[in-house]
């Protein structure tokens, strides 16, 4: 998730000082910078590839289809949602974009992190509990086997509150 934070922060600072019409950077389909798109995709899905490698290395290949594939699909869905929100903000006029950029970035990141934590808790925690070898490897590497659901819910509530505030601000800007 650190990759998502770094890339999203870079997105905010790049657009604060860069004019996209100059064409000075690679841009994915006249939208977000390519680095932001790749960073968000990698940040949201890299943990799943780590889980895949862990399953293969520990001889638990039978867990790939029922656990890793759904988690990978969910992670891609979360990444796509974040990219959609950031792309919509990118297409706003500069004045409107400046008014909502920070809350949209943090709101979408909080929703993404909360969703990924719930996804991992629903699929990965039972896998680690049922396979003692995998659980031992995760603990030995300094990982944890689960997160409190309250933390994920708090992230989701905070992210939704920020995004709701953005919707209200955009509605007020439309009315003005």
N, C-alpha and C. Protein backbone atom coordinates (compact mmCIF):
# COMPACT_ATOMS: atom_id res chain seq x y z
N UNK A 1 0.81 -1.18 0.00
CA UNK A 1 0.00 0.00 0.00
C UNK A 1 0.86 1.26 0.00
N UNK A 2 2.13 1.11 0.40
CA UNK A 2 3.01 2.28 0.39
C UNK A 2 3.19 2.79 -1.03
N UNK A 3 3.21 1.88 -2.01
CA UNK A 3 3.35 2.30 -3.40
C UNK A 3 2.19 3.17 -3.82
N UNK A 4 0.98 2.79 -3.41
CA UNK A 4 -0.19 3.59 -3.76
C UNK A 4 -0.08 4.98 -3.17
N UNK A 5 0.36 5.09 -1.93
CA UNK A 5 0.51 6.38 -1.28
C UNK A 5 1.53 7.25 -2.00
N UNK A 6 2.68 6.67 -2.33
CA UNK A 6 3.74 7.43 -3.00
C UNK A 6 3.27 7.89 -4.38
N UNK A 7 2.64 6.99 -5.13
CA UNK A 7 2.21 7.35 -6.48
C UNK A 7 1.10 8.38 -6.44
N UNK A 8 0.15 8.22 -5.53
CA UNK A 8 -0.94 9.19 -5.45
C UNK A 8 -0.41 10.56 -5.02
N UNK A 9 0.55 10.58 -4.11
CA UNK A 9 1.15 11.85 -3.70
C UNK A 9 1.90 12.47 -4.87
N UNK A 10 2.60 11.65 -5.65
CA UNK A 10 3.28 12.16 -6.83
C UNK A 10 2.27 12.71 -7.83
N UNK A 11 1.12 12.06 -7.95
CA UNK A 11 0.05 12.54 -8.83
C UNK A 11 -0.38 13.94 -8.43
N UNK A 12 -0.58 14.15 -7.15
CA UNK A 12 -1.02 15.45 -6.67
C UNK A 12 0.04 16.51 -6.93
N UNK A 13 1.29 16.23 -6.59
CA UNK A 13 2.33 17.25 -6.76
C UNK A 13 2.67 17.47 -8.22
N UNK A 14 2.66 16.41 -9.04
CA UNK A 14 2.94 16.59 -10.46
C UNK A 14 1.92 17.50 -11.12
N UNK A 15 0.66 17.28 -10.81
CA UNK A 15 -0.38 18.07 -11.45
C UNK A 15 -0.46 19.47 -10.89
N UNK A 16 0.09 19.68 -9.72
CA UNK A 16 0.11 21.03 -9.16
C UNK A 16 1.11 21.90 -9.89
N UNK A 17 2.15 21.29 -10.48
CA UNK A 17 3.17 22.11 -11.13
C UNK A 17 3.38 21.79 -12.61
N UNK A 18 2.55 20.92 -13.18
CA UNK A 18 2.78 20.52 -14.56
C UNK A 18 1.55 20.81 -15.41
N UNK A 19 1.74 21.38 -16.57
CA UNK A 19 0.66 21.60 -17.49
C UNK A 19 0.60 20.41 -18.44
N UNK A 20 -0.50 19.68 -18.43
CA UNK A 20 -0.60 18.45 -19.23
C UNK A 20 -0.62 18.74 -20.73
N UNK A 21 -0.99 19.94 -21.13
CA UNK A 21 -1.04 20.25 -22.56
C UNK A 21 0.35 20.37 -23.17
N UNK A 22 1.37 20.50 -22.32
CA UNK A 22 2.73 20.64 -22.86
C UNK A 22 3.24 19.34 -23.43
N UNK A 23 2.67 18.21 -23.01
CA UNK A 23 3.10 16.92 -23.54
C UNK A 23 4.48 16.52 -23.09
N UNK A 24 4.96 17.08 -21.97
CA UNK A 24 6.32 16.81 -21.54
C UNK A 24 6.48 15.47 -20.85
N UNK A 25 5.39 14.79 -20.52
CA UNK A 25 5.46 13.50 -19.86
C UNK A 25 4.59 12.49 -20.59
N UNK A 26 4.93 11.20 -20.41
CA UNK A 26 4.10 10.15 -20.99
C UNK A 26 2.75 10.14 -20.28
N UNK A 27 1.69 10.19 -21.05
CA UNK A 27 0.35 10.23 -20.47
C UNK A 27 -0.46 9.09 -21.06
N UNK A 28 -1.13 8.34 -20.19
CA UNK A 28 -1.94 7.22 -20.63
C UNK A 28 -3.27 7.74 -21.16
N UNK A 29 -3.47 7.70 -22.46
CA UNK A 29 -4.72 8.08 -23.12
C UNK A 29 -5.20 9.47 -22.69
N UNK A 30 -4.31 10.44 -22.69
CA UNK A 30 -4.62 11.82 -22.30
C UNK A 30 -5.32 11.86 -20.94
N UNK A 31 -4.92 11.00 -20.07
CA UNK A 31 -5.49 10.95 -18.73
C UNK A 31 -4.41 11.08 -17.70
N UNK A 32 -4.40 10.16 -16.79
CA UNK A 32 -3.40 10.17 -15.72
C UNK A 32 -2.02 9.87 -16.27
N UNK A 33 -0.98 10.36 -15.60
CA UNK A 33 0.38 9.99 -16.01
C UNK A 33 0.55 8.47 -15.92
N UNK A 34 1.28 7.92 -16.86
CA UNK A 34 1.47 6.47 -16.93
C UNK A 34 2.06 5.91 -15.64
N UNK A 35 2.96 6.65 -15.01
CA UNK A 35 3.55 6.20 -13.75
C UNK A 35 2.51 6.07 -12.65
N UNK A 36 1.53 6.97 -12.63
CA UNK A 36 0.47 6.88 -11.62
C UNK A 36 -0.38 5.65 -11.85
N UNK A 37 -0.72 5.38 -13.10
CA UNK A 37 -1.54 4.21 -13.43
C UNK A 37 -0.81 2.93 -13.03
N UNK A 38 0.45 2.81 -13.45
CA UNK A 38 1.21 1.60 -13.13
C UNK A 38 1.45 1.47 -11.63
N UNK A 39 1.73 2.58 -10.97
CA UNK A 39 1.99 2.54 -9.54
C UNK A 39 0.78 2.10 -8.74
N UNK A 40 -0.40 2.57 -9.12
CA UNK A 40 -1.61 2.17 -8.42
C UNK A 40 -1.91 0.70 -8.68
N UNK A 41 -1.75 0.25 -9.91
CA UNK A 41 -1.98 -1.17 -10.21
C UNK A 41 -0.99 -2.06 -9.45
N UNK A 42 0.27 -1.69 -9.45
CA UNK A 42 1.28 -2.48 -8.74
C UNK A 42 1.05 -2.42 -7.23
N UNK A 43 0.75 -1.23 -6.72
CA UNK A 43 0.54 -1.08 -5.28
C UNK A 43 -0.63 -1.87 -4.75
N UNK A 44 -1.68 -1.97 -5.53
CA UNK A 44 -2.87 -2.70 -5.07
C UNK A 44 -2.76 -4.21 -5.28
N UNK A 45 -1.90 -4.65 -6.17
CA UNK A 45 -1.86 -6.09 -6.49
C UNK A 45 -0.57 -6.79 -6.09
N UNK A 46 0.47 -6.06 -5.74
CA UNK A 46 1.76 -6.71 -5.48
C UNK A 46 1.70 -7.69 -4.31
N UNK A 47 0.89 -7.39 -3.29
CA UNK A 47 0.79 -8.29 -2.14
C UNK A 47 0.19 -9.63 -2.55
N UNK A 48 -0.67 -9.63 -3.58
CA UNK A 48 -1.27 -10.88 -4.04
C UNK A 48 -0.21 -11.74 -4.73
N UNK A 49 0.69 -11.11 -5.48
CA UNK A 49 1.75 -11.87 -6.12
C UNK A 49 2.72 -12.43 -5.08
N UNK A 50 2.92 -11.69 -4.00
CA UNK A 50 3.71 -12.23 -2.89
C UNK A 50 3.04 -13.44 -2.28
N UNK A 51 1.73 -13.38 -2.11
CA UNK A 51 0.98 -14.52 -1.60
C UNK A 51 1.06 -15.70 -2.56
N UNK A 52 0.98 -15.43 -3.84
CA UNK A 52 1.10 -16.49 -4.85
C UNK A 52 2.45 -17.18 -4.75
N UNK A 53 3.52 -16.40 -4.68
CA UNK A 53 4.85 -16.99 -4.56
C UNK A 53 5.01 -17.78 -3.26
N UNK A 54 4.42 -17.28 -2.19
CA UNK A 54 4.46 -17.97 -0.92
C UNK A 54 3.73 -19.31 -1.00
N UNK A 55 2.57 -19.32 -1.64
CA UNK A 55 1.82 -20.57 -1.82
C UNK A 55 2.61 -21.58 -2.64
N UNK A 56 3.23 -21.13 -3.70
CA UNK A 56 4.01 -22.03 -4.56
C UNK A 56 5.23 -22.55 -3.80
N UNK A 57 5.94 -21.65 -3.11
CA UNK A 57 7.16 -22.05 -2.40
C UNK A 57 6.88 -23.03 -1.27
N UNK A 58 5.73 -22.92 -0.63
CA UNK A 58 5.40 -23.79 0.50
C UNK A 58 4.60 -25.02 0.08
N UNK A 59 4.43 -25.22 -1.22
CA UNK A 59 3.73 -26.41 -1.70
C UNK A 59 2.23 -26.37 -1.50
N UNK A 60 1.67 -25.21 -1.48
CA UNK A 60 0.21 -25.06 -1.30
C UNK A 60 -0.42 -24.57 -2.59
N UNK A 61 -0.02 -25.17 -3.71
CA UNK A 61 -0.54 -24.74 -5.01
C UNK A 61 -2.04 -24.96 -5.12
N UNK A 62 -2.59 -25.86 -4.32
CA UNK A 62 -4.03 -26.10 -4.36
C UNK A 62 -4.83 -24.91 -3.83
N UNK A 63 -4.18 -23.96 -3.19
CA UNK A 63 -4.86 -22.77 -2.67
C UNK A 63 -4.88 -21.61 -3.68
N UNK A 64 -4.22 -21.79 -4.80
CA UNK A 64 -4.14 -20.69 -5.77
C UNK A 64 -5.52 -20.35 -6.34
N UNK A 65 -6.23 -21.33 -6.82
CA UNK A 65 -7.53 -21.04 -7.44
C UNK A 65 -8.57 -20.54 -6.44
N UNK A 66 -8.78 -21.20 -5.29
CA UNK A 66 -9.84 -20.73 -4.40
C UNK A 66 -9.51 -19.47 -3.61
N UNK A 67 -8.22 -19.11 -3.48
CA UNK A 67 -7.87 -17.95 -2.66
C UNK A 67 -7.19 -16.86 -3.47
N UNK A 68 -6.10 -17.19 -4.14
CA UNK A 68 -5.28 -16.16 -4.80
C UNK A 68 -6.02 -15.52 -5.98
N UNK A 69 -6.70 -16.30 -6.79
CA UNK A 69 -7.37 -15.74 -7.97
C UNK A 69 -8.49 -14.77 -7.57
N UNK A 70 -9.40 -15.13 -6.63
CA UNK A 70 -10.41 -14.13 -6.23
C UNK A 70 -9.82 -12.88 -5.60
N UNK A 71 -8.76 -13.04 -4.80
CA UNK A 71 -8.13 -11.88 -4.18
C UNK A 71 -7.47 -11.00 -5.24
N UNK A 72 -6.87 -11.61 -6.25
CA UNK A 72 -6.27 -10.85 -7.34
C UNK A 72 -7.34 -10.07 -8.11
N UNK A 73 -8.46 -10.72 -8.39
CA UNK A 73 -9.56 -10.03 -9.08
C UNK A 73 -10.09 -8.87 -8.24
N UNK A 74 -10.25 -9.10 -6.95
CA UNK A 74 -10.71 -8.03 -6.07
C UNK A 74 -9.72 -6.87 -6.01
N UNK A 75 -8.44 -7.20 -5.97
CA UNK A 75 -7.40 -6.15 -5.93
C UNK A 75 -7.39 -5.34 -7.21
N UNK A 76 -7.55 -6.01 -8.36
CA UNK A 76 -7.65 -5.27 -9.62
C UNK A 76 -8.89 -4.39 -9.63
N UNK A 77 -9.99 -4.87 -9.06
CA UNK A 77 -11.20 -4.07 -8.98
C UNK A 77 -11.01 -2.82 -8.14
N UNK A 78 -10.33 -2.98 -7.01
CA UNK A 78 -10.06 -1.83 -6.14
C UNK A 78 -9.14 -0.83 -6.87
N UNK A 79 -8.10 -1.33 -7.52
CA UNK A 79 -7.19 -0.45 -8.26
C UNK A 79 -7.92 0.28 -9.37
N UNK A 80 -8.79 -0.42 -10.08
CA UNK A 80 -9.56 0.20 -11.16
C UNK A 80 -10.48 1.28 -10.62
N UNK A 81 -11.07 1.04 -9.46
CA UNK A 81 -11.94 2.05 -8.85
C UNK A 81 -11.15 3.31 -8.49
N UNK A 82 -9.98 3.13 -7.91
CA UNK A 82 -9.14 4.29 -7.57
C UNK A 82 -8.74 5.04 -8.84
N UNK A 83 -8.36 4.30 -9.88
CA UNK A 83 -7.98 4.95 -11.14
C UNK A 83 -9.16 5.68 -11.76
N UNK A 84 -10.34 5.13 -11.65
CA UNK A 84 -11.53 5.79 -12.19
C UNK A 84 -11.77 7.12 -11.48
N UNK A 85 -11.70 7.10 -10.16
CA UNK A 85 -11.94 8.33 -9.40
C UNK A 85 -10.88 9.38 -9.75
N UNK A 86 -9.61 8.97 -9.79
CA UNK A 86 -8.55 9.93 -10.10
C UNK A 86 -8.66 10.44 -11.54
N UNK A 87 -9.09 9.59 -12.47
CA UNK A 87 -9.27 10.03 -13.85
C UNK A 87 -10.40 11.04 -13.96
N UNK A 88 -11.48 10.80 -13.24
CA UNK A 88 -12.59 11.76 -13.26
C UNK A 88 -12.15 13.12 -12.71
N UNK A 89 -11.37 13.09 -11.64
CA UNK A 89 -10.87 14.35 -11.07
C UNK A 89 -9.91 15.02 -12.05
N UNK A 90 -9.10 14.24 -12.71
CA UNK A 90 -8.14 14.79 -13.68
C UNK A 90 -8.84 15.52 -14.81
N UNK A 91 -10.03 15.08 -15.16
CA UNK A 91 -10.76 15.68 -16.28
C UNK A 91 -11.56 16.94 -15.89
N UNK A 92 -11.56 17.29 -14.62
CA UNK A 92 -12.25 18.51 -14.19
C UNK A 92 -11.48 19.73 -14.65
N UNK A 93 -12.14 20.87 -14.64
CA UNK A 93 -11.44 22.12 -14.95
C UNK A 93 -10.40 22.36 -13.85
N UNK A 94 -9.33 23.09 -14.15
CA UNK A 94 -8.27 23.28 -13.15
C UNK A 94 -8.77 23.84 -11.81
N UNK A 95 -9.71 24.79 -11.84
CA UNK A 95 -10.20 25.37 -10.59
C UNK A 95 -10.94 24.32 -9.75
N UNK A 96 -11.78 23.52 -10.39
CA UNK A 96 -12.52 22.48 -9.67
C UNK A 96 -11.57 21.38 -9.21
N UNK A 97 -10.59 21.05 -10.05
CA UNK A 97 -9.63 20.02 -9.68
C UNK A 97 -8.84 20.42 -8.45
N UNK A 98 -8.41 21.67 -8.41
CA UNK A 98 -7.65 22.15 -7.25
C UNK A 98 -8.47 22.12 -5.98
N UNK A 99 -9.79 22.34 -6.11
CA UNK A 99 -10.66 22.38 -4.94
C UNK A 99 -10.86 21.00 -4.31
N UNK A 100 -10.71 19.92 -5.09
CA UNK A 100 -11.05 18.59 -4.57
C UNK A 100 -9.90 17.58 -4.64
N UNK A 101 -8.76 17.97 -5.14
CA UNK A 101 -7.68 17.01 -5.38
C UNK A 101 -7.26 16.25 -4.12
N UNK A 102 -6.96 16.93 -3.04
CA UNK A 102 -6.49 16.27 -1.82
C UNK A 102 -7.50 15.32 -1.21
N UNK A 103 -8.74 15.80 -0.97
CA UNK A 103 -9.73 14.89 -0.40
C UNK A 103 -10.04 13.68 -1.28
N UNK A 104 -10.03 13.87 -2.60
CA UNK A 104 -10.28 12.73 -3.49
C UNK A 104 -9.14 11.72 -3.39
N UNK A 105 -7.91 12.22 -3.38
CA UNK A 105 -6.77 11.31 -3.30
C UNK A 105 -6.80 10.51 -2.01
N UNK A 106 -6.96 11.19 -0.87
CA UNK A 106 -6.95 10.49 0.40
C UNK A 106 -8.21 9.65 0.59
N UNK A 107 -9.35 10.15 0.15
CA UNK A 107 -10.58 9.38 0.28
C UNK A 107 -10.52 8.09 -0.51
N UNK A 108 -10.05 8.16 -1.75
CA UNK A 108 -9.97 6.94 -2.57
C UNK A 108 -8.91 5.99 -2.02
N UNK A 109 -7.80 6.52 -1.49
CA UNK A 109 -6.79 5.64 -0.89
C UNK A 109 -7.32 4.96 0.35
N UNK A 110 -8.05 5.69 1.21
CA UNK A 110 -8.60 5.07 2.42
C UNK A 110 -9.61 3.99 2.07
N UNK A 111 -10.46 4.25 1.08
CA UNK A 111 -11.43 3.23 0.66
C UNK A 111 -10.69 2.02 0.08
N UNK A 112 -9.66 2.26 -0.71
CA UNK A 112 -8.89 1.15 -1.29
C UNK A 112 -8.21 0.33 -0.21
N UNK A 113 -7.56 0.99 0.75
CA UNK A 113 -6.87 0.25 1.80
C UNK A 113 -7.85 -0.51 2.68
N UNK A 114 -8.98 0.10 3.02
CA UNK A 114 -9.99 -0.61 3.82
C UNK A 114 -10.55 -1.81 3.08
N UNK A 115 -10.82 -1.64 1.80
CA UNK A 115 -11.34 -2.75 0.99
C UNK A 115 -10.33 -3.88 0.88
N UNK A 116 -9.06 -3.52 0.66
CA UNK A 116 -8.02 -4.56 0.55
C UNK A 116 -7.83 -5.28 1.88
N UNK A 117 -7.92 -4.55 2.99
CA UNK A 117 -7.79 -5.20 4.30
C UNK A 117 -8.94 -6.18 4.54
N UNK A 118 -10.15 -5.78 4.19
CA UNK A 118 -11.29 -6.69 4.35
C UNK A 118 -11.18 -7.88 3.41
N UNK A 119 -10.70 -7.64 2.20
CA UNK A 119 -10.49 -8.72 1.24
C UNK A 119 -9.46 -9.71 1.76
N UNK A 120 -8.36 -9.19 2.26
CA UNK A 120 -7.32 -10.07 2.80
C UNK A 120 -7.82 -10.81 4.03
N UNK A 121 -8.59 -10.13 4.87
CA UNK A 121 -9.10 -10.77 6.07
C UNK A 121 -10.09 -11.87 5.74
N UNK A 122 -10.86 -11.70 4.68
CA UNK A 122 -11.85 -12.70 4.30
C UNK A 122 -11.27 -13.91 3.60
N UNK A 123 -10.20 -13.71 2.85
CA UNK A 123 -9.63 -14.82 2.08
C UNK A 123 -8.30 -15.31 2.62
N UNK A 124 -7.41 -14.41 2.95
CA UNK A 124 -6.04 -14.80 3.28
C UNK A 124 -5.93 -15.30 4.72
N UNK A 125 -6.60 -14.65 5.66
CA UNK A 125 -6.52 -15.08 7.06
C UNK A 125 -6.99 -16.53 7.23
N UNK A 126 -8.13 -16.94 6.63
CA UNK A 126 -8.50 -18.35 6.75
C UNK A 126 -7.48 -19.30 6.10
N UNK A 127 -6.86 -18.87 5.02
CA UNK A 127 -5.84 -19.69 4.39
C UNK A 127 -4.66 -19.89 5.32
N UNK A 128 -4.21 -18.80 5.93
CA UNK A 128 -3.06 -18.90 6.83
C UNK A 128 -3.40 -19.70 8.09
N UNK A 129 -4.64 -19.64 8.51
CA UNK A 129 -5.06 -20.42 9.68
C UNK A 129 -5.15 -21.91 9.36
N UNK A 130 -5.54 -22.23 8.12
CA UNK A 130 -5.69 -23.64 7.75
C UNK A 130 -4.38 -24.29 7.33
N UNK A 131 -3.41 -23.49 6.96
CA UNK A 131 -2.11 -24.01 6.53
C UNK A 131 -1.03 -23.53 7.50
N UNK A 132 -0.68 -24.34 8.50
CA UNK A 132 0.30 -23.90 9.49
C UNK A 132 1.65 -23.50 8.90
N UNK A 133 2.07 -24.18 7.83
CA UNK A 133 3.37 -23.83 7.22
C UNK A 133 3.37 -22.39 6.71
N UNK A 134 2.28 -22.01 6.03
CA UNK A 134 2.20 -20.65 5.51
C UNK A 134 2.15 -19.63 6.63
N UNK A 135 1.37 -19.92 7.67
CA UNK A 135 1.29 -19.02 8.81
C UNK A 135 2.63 -18.82 9.47
N UNK A 136 3.41 -19.91 9.61
CA UNK A 136 4.74 -19.81 10.22
C UNK A 136 5.68 -18.96 9.37
N UNK A 137 5.60 -19.13 8.04
CA UNK A 137 6.46 -18.34 7.15
C UNK A 137 6.10 -16.86 7.25
N UNK A 138 4.81 -16.56 7.29
CA UNK A 138 4.38 -15.16 7.39
C UNK A 138 4.85 -14.56 8.71
N UNK A 139 4.68 -15.30 9.81
CA UNK A 139 5.14 -14.78 11.11
C UNK A 139 6.65 -14.61 11.13
N UNK A 140 7.39 -15.55 10.55
CA UNK A 140 8.85 -15.48 10.55
C UNK A 140 9.36 -14.28 9.76
N UNK A 141 8.59 -13.86 8.75
CA UNK A 141 9.02 -12.71 7.94
C UNK A 141 8.57 -11.38 8.54
N UNK A 142 7.93 -11.43 9.72
CA UNK A 142 7.51 -10.20 10.37
C UNK A 142 6.09 -9.79 10.03
N UNK A 143 5.36 -10.64 9.32
CA UNK A 143 3.99 -10.33 8.94
C UNK A 143 3.00 -10.68 10.04
N UNK A 144 1.80 -10.26 9.85
CA UNK A 144 0.73 -10.58 10.79
C UNK A 144 -0.30 -11.45 10.06
N UNK A 145 -1.02 -12.25 10.82
CA UNK A 145 -1.99 -13.16 10.22
C UNK A 145 -3.37 -12.54 10.06
N UNK A 146 -3.59 -11.39 10.63
CA UNK A 146 -4.89 -10.76 10.49
C UNK A 146 -4.86 -9.34 11.04
N UNK A 147 -5.80 -8.57 10.64
CA UNK A 147 -5.94 -7.19 11.11
C UNK A 147 -7.32 -7.07 11.74
N UNK A 148 -7.45 -6.20 12.72
CA UNK A 148 -8.80 -5.99 13.28
C UNK A 148 -9.73 -5.42 12.20
N UNK A 149 -10.91 -5.98 12.12
CA UNK A 149 -11.89 -5.51 11.14
C UNK A 149 -12.26 -4.05 11.40
N UNK A 150 -12.19 -3.63 12.66
CA UNK A 150 -12.53 -2.25 12.99
C UNK A 150 -11.62 -1.25 12.28
N UNK A 151 -10.35 -1.61 12.13
CA UNK A 151 -9.39 -0.73 11.45
C UNK A 151 -9.80 -0.55 9.99
N UNK A 152 -10.12 -1.65 9.32
CA UNK A 152 -10.55 -1.58 7.92
C UNK A 152 -11.83 -0.77 7.79
N UNK A 153 -12.77 -0.99 8.71
CA UNK A 153 -14.04 -0.25 8.67
C UNK A 153 -13.80 1.24 8.91
N UNK A 154 -12.88 1.58 9.81
CA UNK A 154 -12.57 2.98 10.07
C UNK A 154 -11.99 3.64 8.82
N UNK A 155 -11.12 2.93 8.11
CA UNK A 155 -10.58 3.46 6.86
C UNK A 155 -11.69 3.68 5.83
N UNK A 156 -12.59 2.71 5.72
CA UNK A 156 -13.69 2.84 4.76
C UNK A 156 -14.60 4.01 5.11
N UNK A 157 -14.92 4.17 6.38
CA UNK A 157 -15.78 5.29 6.80
C UNK A 157 -15.09 6.62 6.54
N UNK A 158 -13.81 6.72 6.88
CA UNK A 158 -13.08 7.97 6.64
C UNK A 158 -13.00 8.29 5.15
N UNK A 159 -12.71 7.28 4.34
CA UNK A 159 -12.63 7.49 2.89
C UNK A 159 -13.96 7.90 2.30
N UNK A 160 -15.03 7.23 2.71
CA UNK A 160 -16.36 7.58 2.21
C UNK A 160 -16.76 8.98 2.65
N UNK A 161 -16.41 9.36 3.88
CA UNK A 161 -16.72 10.70 4.36
C UNK A 161 -15.99 11.76 3.52
N UNK A 162 -14.72 11.51 3.21
CA UNK A 162 -13.98 12.46 2.38
C UNK A 162 -14.59 12.56 0.98
N UNK A 163 -14.92 11.42 0.39
CA UNK A 163 -15.50 11.43 -0.95
C UNK A 163 -16.89 12.06 -0.95
N UNK A 164 -17.66 11.85 0.11
CA UNK A 164 -18.97 12.50 0.21
C UNK A 164 -18.79 14.02 0.30
N UNK A 165 -17.79 14.45 1.06
CA UNK A 165 -17.49 15.88 1.14
C UNK A 165 -17.12 16.46 -0.21
N UNK A 166 -16.39 15.69 -1.01
CA UNK A 166 -16.03 16.14 -2.36
C UNK A 166 -17.28 16.29 -3.22
N UNK A 167 -18.19 15.31 -3.12
CA UNK A 167 -19.43 15.40 -3.90
C UNK A 167 -20.22 16.65 -3.52
N UNK A 168 -20.28 16.96 -2.22
CA UNK A 168 -20.99 18.16 -1.77
C UNK A 168 -20.30 19.42 -2.29
N UNK A 169 -18.95 19.42 -2.25
CA UNK A 169 -18.21 20.60 -2.73
C UNK A 169 -18.42 20.81 -4.23
N UNK A 170 -18.40 19.72 -5.00
CA UNK A 170 -18.62 19.83 -6.44
C UNK A 170 -20.05 20.28 -6.74
N UNK A 171 -20.99 19.81 -5.95
CA UNK A 171 -22.39 20.24 -6.13
C UNK A 171 -22.53 21.74 -5.86
N UNK A 172 -21.84 22.21 -4.83
CA UNK A 172 -21.89 23.65 -4.52
C UNK A 172 -21.21 24.46 -5.62
N UNK A 173 -20.10 23.93 -6.18
CA UNK A 173 -19.44 24.64 -7.28
C UNK A 173 -20.32 24.67 -8.52
N UNK A 174 -21.08 23.59 -8.75
CA UNK A 174 -22.00 23.57 -9.91
C UNK A 174 -23.12 24.59 -9.73
N UNK A 175 -23.60 24.73 -8.49
CA UNK A 175 -24.72 25.65 -8.24
C UNK A 175 -24.27 27.11 -8.33
N UNK A 176 -23.00 27.34 -8.08
CA UNK A 176 -22.50 28.74 -8.09
C UNK A 176 -22.30 29.28 -9.48
